[in-house]
C-alpha atoms as a PDB file:
ATOM      1  CA  MET A   1     -51.501  -0.257  33.921  1.00  0.00           C
ATOM      2  CA  LYS A   2     -51.647   2.888  31.972  1.00  0.00           C
ATOM      3  CA  MET A   3     -50.725   6.239  33.477  1.00  0.00           C
ATOM      4  CA  PRO A   4     -53.296   8.983  33.263  1.00  0.00           C
ATOM      5  CA  GLN A   5     -52.733  11.514  30.513  1.00  0.00           C
ATOM      6  CA  GLU A   6     -52.426  14.418  32.983  1.00  0.00           C
ATOM      7  CA  LEU A   7     -49.676  12.660  34.938  1.00  0.00           C
ATOM      8  CA  VAL A   8     -47.651  12.059  31.771  1.00  0.00           C
ATOM      9  CA  ILE A   9     -48.019  15.707  30.759  1.00  0.00           C
ATOM     10  CA  GLN A  10     -47.002  16.861  34.229  1.00  0.00           C
ATOM     11  CA  LYS A  11     -43.867  14.675  34.220  1.00  0.00           C
ATOM     12  CA  LEU A  12     -42.885  15.887  30.765  1.00  0.00           C
ATOM     13  CA  GLU A  13     -43.356  19.531  31.795  1.00  0.00           C
ATOM     14  CA  GLN A  14     -41.170  18.910  34.847  1.00  0.00           C
ATOM     15  CA  GLN A  15     -38.499  17.360  32.634  1.00  0.00           C
ATOM     16  CA  VAL A  16     -38.628  20.309  30.226  1.00  0.00           C
ATOM     17  CA  LYS A  17     -38.163  22.753  33.115  1.00  0.00           C
ATOM     18  CA  THR A  18     -35.102  20.918  34.424  1.00  0.00           C
ATOM     19  CA  LEU A  19     -33.606  20.751  30.935  1.00  0.00           C
ATOM     20  CA  GLN A  20     -34.201  24.479  30.406  1.00  0.00           C
ATOM     21  CA  TYR A  21     -32.477  25.231  33.714  1.00  0.00           C
ATOM     22  CA  ASP A  22     -29.497  23.041  32.784  1.00  0.00           C
ATOM     23  CA  CYS A  23     -29.283  24.710  29.374  1.00  0.00           C
ATOM     24  CA  ALA A  24     -29.301  28.178  30.976  1.00  0.00           C
ATOM     25  CA  GLU A  25     -26.488  27.182  33.333  1.00  0.00           C
ATOM     26  CA  LEU A  26     -24.416  25.819  30.445  1.00  0.00           C
ATOM     27  CA  GLN A  27     -24.945  28.971  28.390  1.00  0.00           C
ATOM     28  CA  LYS A  28     -23.813  31.124  31.304  1.00  0.00           C
ATOM     29  CA  HIS A  29     -20.724  28.974  31.834  1.00  0.00           C
ATOM     30  CA  ASN A  30     -19.976  29.052  28.099  1.00  0.00           C
ATOM     31  CA  ASP A  31     -20.169  32.858  28.051  1.00  0.00           C
ATOM     32  CA  GLU A  32     -17.748  33.080  30.978  1.00  0.00           C
ATOM     33  CA  LEU A  33     -15.290  30.760  29.264  1.00  0.00           C
ATOM     34  CA  ALA A  34     -15.575  32.678  25.984  1.00  0.00           C
ATOM     35  CA  ASP A  35     -14.717  35.903  27.824  1.00  0.00           C
ATOM     36  CA  ARG A  36     -11.679  34.241  29.433  1.00  0.00           C
ATOM     37  CA  VAL A  37     -10.479  32.913  26.077  1.00  0.00           C
ATOM     38  CA  LYS A  38     -10.897  36.318  24.441  1.00  0.00           C
ATOM     39  CA  LYS A  39      -8.955  37.965  27.265  1.00  0.00           C
ATOM     40  CA  LEU A  40      -6.112  35.429  27.140  1.00  0.00           C
ATOM     41  CA  ALA A  41      -5.904  35.422  23.342  1.00  0.00           C
ATOM     42  CA  SER A  42      -5.584  39.190  23.087  1.00  0.00           C
ATOM     43  CA  ARG A  43      -2.802  39.744  25.614  1.00  0.00           C
ATOM     44  CA  GLN A  44       0.862  40.038  24.782  1.00  0.00           C
ATOM     45  CA  PRO A  45       2.967  36.965  25.559  1.00  0.00           C
ATOM     46  CA  VAL A  46       5.212  37.246  28.596  1.00  0.00           C
ATOM     47  CA  TRP A  47       8.561  35.506  28.356  1.00  0.00           C
ATOM     48  CA  PRO A  48      10.075  33.902  31.462  1.00  0.00           C
ATOM     49  CA  LYS A  49      12.744  35.951  33.192  1.00  0.00           C
ATOM     50  CA  GLY A  50      16.101  35.499  31.517  1.00  0.00           C
ATOM     51  CA  TYR A  51      14.701  33.856  28.382  1.00  0.00           C
ATOM     52  CA  GLN A  52      16.185  35.128  25.144  1.00  0.00           C
ATOM     53  CA  PRO A  53      14.500  33.819  22.015  1.00  0.00           C
ATOM     54  CA  ARG A  54      16.979  32.996  19.259  1.00  0.00           C
ATOM     55  CA  ARG A  55      16.469  32.758  15.536  1.00  0.00           C
ATOM     56  CA  PHE A  56      17.008  29.259  14.140  1.00  0.00           C
ATOM     57  CA  VAL A  57      20.065  29.097  11.898  1.00  0.00           C
ATOM     58  CA  PRO A  58      20.654  25.734  10.196  1.00  0.00           C
ATOM     59  CA  ARG A  59      24.102  24.310  10.737  1.00  0.00           C
ATOM     60  CA  THR A  60      26.404  24.129   7.762  1.00  0.00           C
ATOM     61  CA  PRO A  61      28.132  20.796   7.230  1.00  0.00           C
ATOM     62  CA  ASN A  62      31.632  20.639   8.612  1.00  0.00           C
ATOM     63  CA  ARG A  63      34.064  21.022   5.697  1.00  0.00           C
ATOM     64  CA  HIS A  64      36.732  18.872   7.378  1.00  0.00           C
ATOM     65  CA  SER A  65      34.508  15.839   7.836  1.00  0.00           C
ATOM     66  CA  SER A  66      34.134  15.197   4.088  1.00  0.00           C
ATOM     67  CA  GLU A  67      37.884  15.495   3.402  1.00  0.00           C
ATOM     68  CA  ARG A  68      38.790  12.671   5.789  1.00  0.00           C
ATOM     69  CA  ASN A  69      36.678  10.079   4.023  1.00  0.00           C
END
């Protein structure tokens, strides 16, 4: 049984409409997320209360440890 040509065209048009709607929703959601990322990326970092960042200083080897061996 073969479907009539008009019915096939109608189903394909319906499918195209649903896909266009889904694409529009995804584009809107993507724009909202891009705005959130831009906002978060451009703000200054906030350190937790009481946190004091320290510069890393490598430890020098203990001079007494090599003399004992």
